[in-house]
Amino acid sequence: MEILLSFWHFITHLNETLPAFIGEHGNLVYALLFVIIFVETGFVVMPFLPGDSLLFVAGSLAAGANPSLNLGYLFVLLFSAAVLGDNINYWVGRFFGPRIVKWRTFGRDLVQQKHLDKTHSYFEKYGVKTIIIARFVPIVRTITPFVAGVGAMDYRKKFLPFDIAGGALWIGLLLLAGFAFGNHPWVQKHYESVILGIVFISVLPMLIEVVRQRGNRSKA
């Protein structure tokens, strides 16, 4: 239990814990970041990991006169982790999806039906564009490749190219946001609000699309 609490503290206070980890373990932080992004995108049962805040904080640590991290290394490494994780998630869904959906632990579904339903609704509204849009929506980005696999989406023509594009946009934009703004005193002081703002901005295009489609339906 103590280990779980320590881990929870680590991932919910990344602006404090990540610099401390670098100070103690140096370049091992690259391996840690790779694992977190890979697990969040590759394991359908681990949608709660903080990908957005992790990327933002990592970007901020690559800025300044004496950066702790290298922005180029971060992009290549974390982009690879995101694409690799999504692809494993896709193939797990394709071959084992129906079985995994039935798994239960402590009396609850391991993969919650409401998350599956939400992702299915995105596919119905946006089609293959969901692969890109979902990258910016916590939880949904973890479920999306799994659902794409369960639905046997065409891998070469649809899933893979859109997944690569979405991964590049997600990793690149959030690293750059952290690089450009993460060390500003106001951002440091209001870190939690900034992260919530990032999540809101991430889902804003999807919300606009929903409003637009509803408007079109009402006109019809």
C-alpha atoms as a PDB file:
ATOM      1  CA  MET A   1       0.000   0.000   0.000  1.00  0.00           C
ATOM      2  CA  GLU A   2       2.833   2.366   0.856  1.00  0.00           C
ATOM      3  CA  ILE A   3       4.401   1.751  -2.559  1.00  0.00           C
ATOM      4  CA  LEU A   4       1.127   2.611  -4.296  1.00  0.00           C
ATOM      5  CA  LEU A   5       0.761   5.811  -2.278  1.00  0.00           C
ATOM      6  CA  SER A   6       4.336   6.802  -3.102  1.00  0.00           C
ATOM      7  CA  PHE A   7       3.719   6.150  -6.790  1.00  0.00           C
ATOM      8  CA  TRP A   8       0.482   8.161  -6.685  1.00  0.00           C
ATOM      9  CA  HIS A   9       2.312  11.066  -5.052  1.00  0.00           C
ATOM     10  CA  PHE A  10       4.994  10.866  -7.723  1.00  0.00           C
ATOM     11  CA  ILE A  11       2.627  11.027 -10.701  1.00  0.00           C
ATOM     12  CA  THR A  12       0.391  13.724  -9.178  1.00  0.00           C
ATOM     13  CA  HIS A  13       3.260  16.073  -8.229  1.00  0.00           C
ATOM     14  CA  LEU A  14       5.478  15.739 -11.296  1.00  0.00           C
ATOM     15  CA  ASN A  15       6.629  19.356 -11.163  1.00  0.00           C
ATOM     16  CA  GLU A  16       8.334  18.469  -7.870  1.00  0.00           C
ATOM     17  CA  THR A  17       9.083  14.747  -8.114  1.00  0.00           C
ATOM     18  CA  LEU A  18      10.525  14.647 -11.643  1.00  0.00           C
ATOM     19  CA  PRO A  19      13.303  17.195 -10.980  1.00  0.00           C
ATOM     20  CA  ALA A  20      14.087  15.343  -7.740  1.00  0.00           C
ATOM     21  CA  PHE A  21      14.327  12.048  -9.669  1.00  0.00           C
ATOM     22  CA  ILE A  22      16.726  13.642 -12.172  1.00  0.00           C
ATOM     23  CA  GLY A  23      18.871  14.967  -9.329  1.00  0.00           C
ATOM     24  CA  GLU A  24      19.138  11.507  -7.824  1.00  0.00           C
ATOM     25  CA  HIS A  25      19.214   9.230 -10.885  1.00  0.00           C
ATOM     26  CA  GLY A  26      20.322  11.421 -13.795  1.00  0.00           C
ATOM     27  CA  ASN A  27      19.692  10.047 -17.292  1.00  0.00           C
ATOM     28  CA  LEU A  28      17.630   7.141 -15.960  1.00  0.00           C
ATOM     29  CA  VAL A  29      14.773   9.633 -16.144  1.00  0.00           C
ATOM     30  CA  TYR A  30      14.586   9.000 -19.911  1.00  0.00           C
ATOM     31  CA  ALA A  31      13.828   5.327 -19.240  1.00  0.00           C
ATOM     32  CA  LEU A  32      11.216   6.294 -16.644  1.00  0.00           C
ATOM     33  CA  LEU A  33       9.467   8.688 -19.031  1.00  0.00           C
ATOM     34  CA  PHE A  34       9.495   6.091 -21.799  1.00  0.00           C
ATOM     35  CA  VAL A  35       7.920   3.483 -19.523  1.00  0.00           C
ATOM     36  CA  ILE A  36       5.150   5.805 -18.274  1.00  0.00           C
ATOM     37  CA  ILE A  37       4.116   6.909 -21.782  1.00  0.00           C
ATOM     38  CA  PHE A  38       4.400   3.357 -23.103  1.00  0.00           C
ATOM     39  CA  VAL A  39       2.271   1.911 -20.286  1.00  0.00           C
ATOM     40  CA  GLU A  40      -0.380   4.635 -20.527  1.00  0.00           C
ATOM     41  CA  THR A  41      -0.822   4.071 -24.255  1.00  0.00           C
ATOM     42  CA  GLY A  42      -0.113   0.337 -24.402  1.00  0.00           C
ATOM     43  CA  PHE A  43      -2.057  -1.125 -21.471  1.00  0.00           C
ATOM     44  CA  VAL A  44      -5.814  -0.716 -21.733  1.00  0.00           C
ATOM     45  CA  VAL A  45      -6.138  -1.250 -17.959  1.00  0.00           C
ATOM     46  CA  MET A  46      -3.816   1.702 -17.144  1.00  0.00           C
ATOM     47  CA  PRO A  47      -5.612   4.791 -18.490  1.00  0.00           C
ATOM     48  CA  PHE A  48      -5.041   6.916 -15.384  1.00  0.00           C
ATOM     49  CA  LEU A  49      -1.351   7.717 -15.899  1.00  0.00           C
ATOM     50  CA  PRO A  50      -0.716  11.468 -16.398  1.00  0.00           C
ATOM     51  CA  GLY A  51       0.586  11.665 -19.958  1.00  0.00           C
ATOM     52  CA  ASP A  52      -0.321  15.325 -20.562  1.00  0.00           C
ATOM     53  CA  SER A  53       1.235  16.697 -17.371  1.00  0.00           C
ATOM     54  CA  LEU A  54       4.274  14.449 -17.787  1.00  0.00           C
ATOM     55  CA  LEU A  55       4.974  15.825 -21.266  1.00  0.00           C
ATOM     56  CA  PHE A  56       4.449  19.409 -20.136  1.00  0.00           C
ATOM     57  CA  VAL A  57       6.817  19.060 -17.172  1.00  0.00           C
ATOM     58  CA  ALA A  58       9.405  17.189 -19.258  1.00  0.00           C
ATOM     59  CA  GLY A  59       9.318  19.993 -21.825  1.00  0.00           C
ATOM     60  CA  SER A  60       9.860  22.607 -19.112  1.00  0.00           C
ATOM     61  CA  LEU A  61      12.908  20.697 -17.852  1.00  0.00           C
ATOM     62  CA  ALA A  62      14.421  20.888 -21.342  1.00  0.00           C
ATOM     63  CA  ALA A  63      14.278  24.706 -21.311  1.00  0.00           C
ATOM     64  CA  GLY A  64      16.464  27.342 -19.683  1.00  0.00           C
ATOM     65  CA  ALA A  65      20.184  28.060 -19.598  1.00  0.00           C
ATOM     66  CA  ASN A  66      21.036  24.739 -17.931  1.00  0.00           C
ATOM     67  CA  PRO A  67      18.373  22.268 -19.070  1.00  0.00           C
ATOM     68  CA  SER A  68      18.064  18.955 -17.255  1.00  0.00           C
ATOM     69  CA  LEU A  69      16.748  17.173 -20.365  1.00  0.00           C
ATOM     70  CA  ASN A  70      17.289  17.321 -24.121  1.00  0.00           C
ATOM     71  CA  LEU A  71      14.179  18.309 -26.100  1.00  0.00           C
ATOM     72  CA  GLY A  72      15.177  16.376 -29.222  1.00  0.00           C
ATOM     73  CA  TYR A  73      15.884  13.187 -27.273  1.00  0.00           C
ATOM     74  CA  LEU A  74      12.571  13.572 -25.463  1.00  0.00           C
ATOM     75  CA  PHE A  75      10.573  13.876 -28.665  1.00  0.00           C
ATOM     76  CA  VAL A  76      12.158  10.866 -30.384  1.00  0.00           C
ATOM     77  CA  LEU A  77      11.979   8.693 -27.269  1.00  0.00           C
ATOM     78  CA  LEU A  78       8.444   9.568 -26.170  1.00  0.00           C
ATOM     79  CA  PHE A  79       7.040   9.563 -29.707  1.00  0.00           C
ATOM     80  CA  SER A  80       8.437   6.042 -30.072  1.00  0.00           C
ATOM     81  CA  ALA A  81       6.906   5.029 -26.731  1.00  0.00           C
ATOM     82  CA  ALA A  82       3.485   6.432 -27.692  1.00  0.00           C
ATOM     83  CA  VAL A  83       3.361   4.753 -31.115  1.00  0.00           C
ATOM     84  CA  LEU A  84       4.745   1.450 -29.837  1.00  0.00           C
ATOM     85  CA  GLY A  85       2.274   1.418 -26.936  1.00  0.00           C
ATOM     86  CA  ASP A  86      -0.695   2.189 -29.171  1.00  0.00           C
ATOM     87  CA  ASN A  87       0.284  -0.525 -31.632  1.00  0.00           C
ATOM     88  CA  ILE A  88       0.568  -3.159 -28.926  1.00  0.00           C
ATOM     89  CA  ASN A  89      -2.784  -2.004 -27.554  1.00  0.00           C
ATOM     90  CA  TYR A  90      -4.312  -2.333 -31.040  1.00  0.00           C
ATOM     91  CA  TRP A  91      -3.104  -5.903 -31.525  1.00  0.00           C
ATOM     92  CA  VAL A  92      -4.111  -6.921 -28.011  1.00  0.00           C
ATOM     93  CA  GLY A  93      -7.600  -5.622 -28.787  1.00  0.00           C
ATOM     94  CA  ARG A  94      -7.660  -7.380 -32.134  1.00  0.00           C
ATOM     95  CA  PHE A  95      -6.684 -10.804 -30.810  1.00  0.00           C
ATOM     96  CA  PHE A  96      -7.789 -10.786 -27.164  1.00  0.00           C
ATOM     97  CA  GLY A  97     -10.281  -7.914 -26.841  1.00  0.00           C
ATOM     98  CA  PRO A  98     -13.502  -9.887 -26.211  1.00  0.00           C
ATOM     99  CA  ARG A  99     -11.815 -11.865 -23.421  1.00  0.00           C
ATOM    100  CA  ILE A 100     -10.226  -8.842 -21.734  1.00  0.00           C
ATOM    101  CA  VAL A 101     -13.529  -6.943 -21.685  1.00  0.00           C
ATOM    102  CA  LYS A 102     -14.967  -9.740 -19.519  1.00  0.00           C
ATOM    103  CA  TRP A 103     -12.162  -9.593 -16.916  1.00  0.00           C
ATOM    104  CA  ARG A 104     -13.178  -8.454 -13.440  1.00  0.00           C
ATOM    105  CA  THR A 105     -11.173  -7.566 -10.345  1.00  0.00           C
ATOM    106  CA  PHE A 106     -12.506  -6.735  -6.874  1.00  0.00           C
ATOM    107  CA  GLY A 107     -16.009  -7.105  -8.289  1.00  0.00           C
ATOM    108  CA  ARG A 108     -15.484  -4.444 -10.991  1.00  0.00           C
ATOM    109  CA  ASP A 109     -14.807  -4.595 -14.711  1.00  0.00           C
ATOM    110  CA  LEU A 110     -11.091  -4.241 -15.401  1.00  0.00           C
ATOM    111  CA  VAL A 111     -11.961  -2.274 -18.543  1.00  0.00           C
ATOM    112  CA  GLN A 112     -14.984  -0.177 -17.636  1.00  0.00           C
ATOM    113  CA  GLN A 113     -17.888  -0.358 -20.045  1.00  0.00           C
ATOM    114  CA  LYS A 114     -18.552   3.394 -19.833  1.00  0.00           C
ATOM    115  CA  HIS A 115     -15.056   4.081 -21.196  1.00  0.00           C
ATOM    116  CA  LEU A 116     -15.608   1.622 -24.043  1.00  0.00           C
ATOM    117  CA  ASP A 117     -18.985   3.182 -24.850  1.00  0.00           C
ATOM    118  CA  LYS A 118     -17.505   6.670 -24.827  1.00  0.00           C
ATOM    119  CA  THR A 119     -14.750   5.649 -27.231  1.00  0.00           C
ATOM    120  CA  HIS A 120     -17.230   3.849 -29.495  1.00  0.00           C
ATOM    121  CA  SER A 121     -19.283   7.051 -29.677  1.00  0.00           C
ATOM    122  CA  TYR A 122     -16.188   8.994 -30.792  1.00  0.00           C
ATOM    123  CA  PHE A 123     -15.600   6.476 -33.579  1.00  0.00           C
ATOM    124  CA  GLU A 124     -19.208   6.852 -34.691  1.00  0.00           C
ATOM    125  CA  LYS A 125     -18.937  10.658 -34.783  1.00  0.00           C
ATOM    126  CA  TYR A 126     -15.425  11.186 -36.145  1.00  0.00           C
ATOM    127  CA  GLY A 127     -14.471   7.904 -37.817  1.00  0.00           C
ATOM    128  CA  VAL A 128     -10.765   7.337 -38.270  1.00  0.00           C
ATOM    129  CA  LYS A 129     -10.033  10.919 -37.113  1.00  0.00           C
ATOM    130  CA  THR A 130     -10.723   9.592 -33.623  1.00  0.00           C
ATOM    131  CA  ILE A 131      -7.211   8.088 -33.639  1.00  0.00           C
ATOM    132  CA  ILE A 132      -5.754  11.621 -33.741  1.00  0.00           C
ATOM    133  CA  ILE A 133      -8.370  13.396 -31.613  1.00  0.00           C
ATOM    134  CA  ALA A 134      -8.200  10.779 -28.866  1.00  0.00           C
ATOM    135  CA  ARG A 135      -4.495  11.429 -28.310  1.00  0.00           C
ATOM    136  CA  PHE A 136      -5.472  14.636 -26.530  1.00  0.00           C
ATOM    137  CA  VAL A 137      -8.227  13.150 -24.350  1.00  0.00           C
ATOM    138  CA  PRO A 138      -7.152  11.369 -21.138  1.00  0.00           C
ATOM    139  CA  ILE A 139      -8.489   7.813 -20.728  1.00  0.00           C
ATOM    140  CA  VAL A 140      -9.970   7.860 -24.247  1.00  0.00           C
ATOM    141  CA  ARG A 141      -6.461   7.809 -25.767  1.00  0.00           C
ATOM    142  CA  THR A 142      -5.742   4.564 -23.908  1.00  0.00           C
ATOM    143  CA  ILE A 143      -9.016   2.886 -24.883  1.00  0.00           C
ATOM    144  CA  THR A 144      -9.062   4.020 -28.547  1.00  0.00           C
ATOM    145  CA  PRO A 145      -6.383   1.710 -30.023  1.00  0.00           C
ATOM    146  CA  PHE A 146      -7.872  -1.201 -28.106  1.00  0.00           C
ATOM    147  CA  VAL A 147     -11.341  -0.514 -29.535  1.00  0.00           C
ATOM    148  CA  ALA A 148      -9.839  -0.033 -33.018  1.00  0.00           C
ATOM    149  CA  GLY A 149      -8.289  -3.482 -32.690  1.00  0.00           C
ATOM    150  CA  VAL A 150     -11.502  -5.058 -31.428  1.00  0.00           C
ATOM    151  CA  GLY A 151     -13.293  -3.552 -34.434  1.00  0.00           C
ATOM    152  CA  ALA A 152     -10.552  -4.819 -36.801  1.00  0.00           C
ATOM    153  CA  MET A 153      -9.860  -1.342 -38.215  1.00  0.00           C
ATOM    154  CA  ASP A 154      -7.613  -1.571 -41.282  1.00  0.00           C
ATOM    155  CA  TYR A 155      -4.115  -1.448 -39.810  1.00  0.00           C
ATOM    156  CA  ARG A 156      -1.949  -0.215 -42.697  1.00  0.00           C
ATOM    157  CA  LYS A 157      -4.324   2.190 -44.414  1.00  0.00           C
ATOM    158  CA  LYS A 158      -6.103   3.682 -41.404  1.00  0.00           C
ATOM    159  CA  PHE A 159      -4.825   2.919 -37.926  1.00  0.00           C
ATOM    160  CA  LEU A 160      -1.051   3.152 -38.388  1.00  0.00           C
ATOM    161  CA  PRO A 161      -0.787   6.424 -40.396  1.00  0.00           C
ATOM    162  CA  PHE A 162      -3.326   8.237 -38.221  1.00  0.00           C
ATOM    163  CA  ASP A 163      -1.700   6.885 -35.070  1.00  0.00           C
ATOM    164  CA  ILE A 164       1.726   8.146 -36.146  1.00  0.00           C
ATOM    165  CA  ALA A 165       0.295  11.578 -36.968  1.00  0.00           C
ATOM    166  CA  GLY A 166      -1.592  11.761 -33.672  1.00  0.00           C
ATOM    167  CA  GLY A 167       1.443  10.638 -31.686  1.00  0.00           C
ATOM    168  CA  ALA A 168       3.686  13.258 -33.287  1.00  0.00           C
ATOM    169  CA  LEU A 169       1.151  16.032 -32.612  1.00  0.00           C
ATOM    170  CA  TRP A 170       0.489  14.988 -29.012  1.00  0.00           C
ATOM    171  CA  ILE A 171       4.114  14.564 -28.002  1.00  0.00           C
ATOM    172  CA  GLY A 172       5.362  17.561 -29.977  1.00  0.00           C
ATOM    173  CA  LEU A 173       2.744  20.105 -28.924  1.00  0.00           C
ATOM    174  CA  LEU A 174       2.832  19.312 -25.205  1.00  0.00           C
ATOM    175  CA  LEU A 175       6.629  19.167 -25.038  1.00  0.00           C
ATOM    176  CA  LEU A 176       6.810  22.516 -26.819  1.00  0.00           C
ATOM    177  CA  ALA A 177       4.161  24.000 -24.515  1.00  0.00           C
ATOM    178  CA  GLY A 178       6.218  22.988 -21.495  1.00  0.00           C
ATOM    179  CA  PHE A 179       9.427  24.182 -23.148  1.00  0.00           C
ATOM    180  CA  ALA A 180       7.949  27.603 -23.932  1.00  0.00           C
ATOM    181  CA  PHE A 181       5.864  28.270 -20.820  1.00  0.00           C
ATOM    182  CA  GLY A 182       6.667  25.703 -18.135  1.00  0.00           C
ATOM    183  CA  ASN A 183       9.266  27.799 -16.316  1.00  0.00           C
ATOM    184  CA  HIS A 184       7.238  30.995 -16.178  1.00  0.00           C
ATOM    185  CA  PRO A 185       6.718  32.028 -12.512  1.00  0.00           C
ATOM    186  CA  TRP A 186       2.944  32.266 -12.927  1.00  0.00           C
ATOM    187  CA  VAL A 187       2.794  28.771 -14.414  1.00  0.00           C
ATOM    188  CA  GLN A 188       4.928  27.384 -11.596  1.00  0.00           C
ATOM    189  CA  LYS A 189       2.638  28.983  -9.039  1.00  0.00           C
ATOM    190  CA  HIS A 190      -0.568  27.734 -10.685  1.00  0.00           C
ATOM    191  CA  TYR A 191       0.703  24.395 -11.949  1.00  0.00           C
ATOM    192  CA  GLU A 192      -2.456  22.344 -11.276  1.00  0.00           C
ATOM    193  CA  SER A 193      -4.692  24.936 -12.938  1.00  0.00           C
ATOM    194  CA  VAL A 194      -2.399  25.006 -15.957  1.00  0.00           C
ATOM    195  CA  ILE A 195      -2.595  21.219 -16.349  1.00  0.00           C
ATOM    196  CA  LEU A 196      -6.397  21.349 -16.155  1.00  0.00           C
ATOM    197  CA  GLY A 197      -6.293  24.102 -18.755  1.00  0.00           C
ATOM    198  CA  ILE A 198      -4.174  21.915 -21.040  1.00  0.00           C
ATOM    199  CA  VAL A 199      -6.709  19.106 -20.762  1.00  0.00           C
ATOM    200  CA  PHE A 200      -9.555  21.542 -21.524  1.00  0.00           C
ATOM    201  CA  ILE A 201      -7.768  22.963 -24.569  1.00  0.00           C
ATOM    202  CA  SER A 202      -7.052  19.400 -25.706  1.00  0.00           C
ATOM    203  CA  VAL A 203     -10.729  18.445 -25.758  1.00  0.00           C
ATOM    204  CA  LEU A 204     -11.951  21.837 -27.059  1.00  0.00           C
ATOM    205  CA  PRO A 205     -11.748  20.901 -30.778  1.00  0.00           C
ATOM    206  CA  MET A 206     -13.827  17.807 -30.059  1.00  0.00           C
ATOM    207  CA  LEU A 207     -16.422  19.870 -28.167  1.00  0.00           C
ATOM    208  CA  ILE A 208     -16.605  22.353 -31.057  1.00  0.00           C
ATOM    209  CA  GLU A 209     -17.119  19.469 -33.486  1.00  0.00           C
ATOM    210  CA  VAL A 210     -19.947  18.068 -31.332  1.00  0.00           C
ATOM    211  CA  VAL A 211     -21.681  21.474 -31.243  1.00  0.00           C
ATOM    212  CA  ARG A 212     -21.189  21.885 -34.994  1.00  0.00           C
ATOM    213  CA  GLN A 213     -22.690  18.470 -35.772  1.00  0.00           C
ATOM    214  CA  ARG A 214     -25.670  19.097 -33.506  1.00  0.00           C
ATOM    215  CA  GLY A 215     -26.226  22.397 -35.252  1.00  0.00           C
ATOM    216  CA  ASN A 216     -26.172  20.679 -38.638  1.00  0.00           C
ATOM    217  CA  ARG A 217     -28.699  18.080 -37.419  1.00  0.00           C
ATOM    218  CA  SER A 218     -31.072  20.759 -36.137  1.00  0.00           C
ATOM    219  CA  LYS A 219     -30.928  22.553 -39.511  1.00  0.00           C
ATOM    220  CA  ALA A 220     -31.667  19.305 -41.288  1.00  0.00           C
END
